[in-house]
Amino acid sequence: MGTKVIVDGDIIGHSTLTKLRQVLTELDDTFAKDISKTIVSAFPNNISLKSHRLLCSIDGFAIGICSGHIDGLYSKLFNAYSLFKENTVHSLILIAKSSKEAWWKNQEGRIRNGKEMNSSLGNRQNWGLVKSGIKSSSHWFDMPITGLILERDISVDGYNQFKW
């Protein structure tokens, strides 16, 4: 099946970003645990940053997964920014779902539990919300950030077929 990975941000052509993007296209699903396992196994020399609410550091890039409720985003940003100011990392790569993917992940759970589909994202993080959070901090937040946005065909199809 595979996953489409869209790049949005400050860093475009770096080899680490290119490899990370390629690895993520091989995902069959967008659960945070699957993303984490895939990245850690593809980059065995990563440095864990779990104590900083981030997944790891790869070649000086802090890697964060934006999944679940939106509240967790700000702790990731603050922790990454502290590491940036300490020169531990030089930039941040945030992996997030597209709005269609976030909506579909919420619907998959509803369908699995026998509930009707609805228009709710279920307060799930998606790149649009993440980008808004970053922009609201841009007056002091000078760390380069790049988003890798995940989206599966099934999510786009479900979104487009839903009776809005």
Foldseek 3Di string as FASTA:
>chain_A
DFKQKDKDWDDDDDPVVVVLRVQRRPDPAPDPVSSLVSVCVSQVPWAQPVVQQFGTADPQETEHEFWDAPVSLVSNLVSVQVCCVVSVHQAYEYEFEALLNLLVVVQVVCVVVVHDRDRDSNNIDGPVSSVVVCVVVVVPRPGTYMYIYIDDPVSVVVVVPDDD
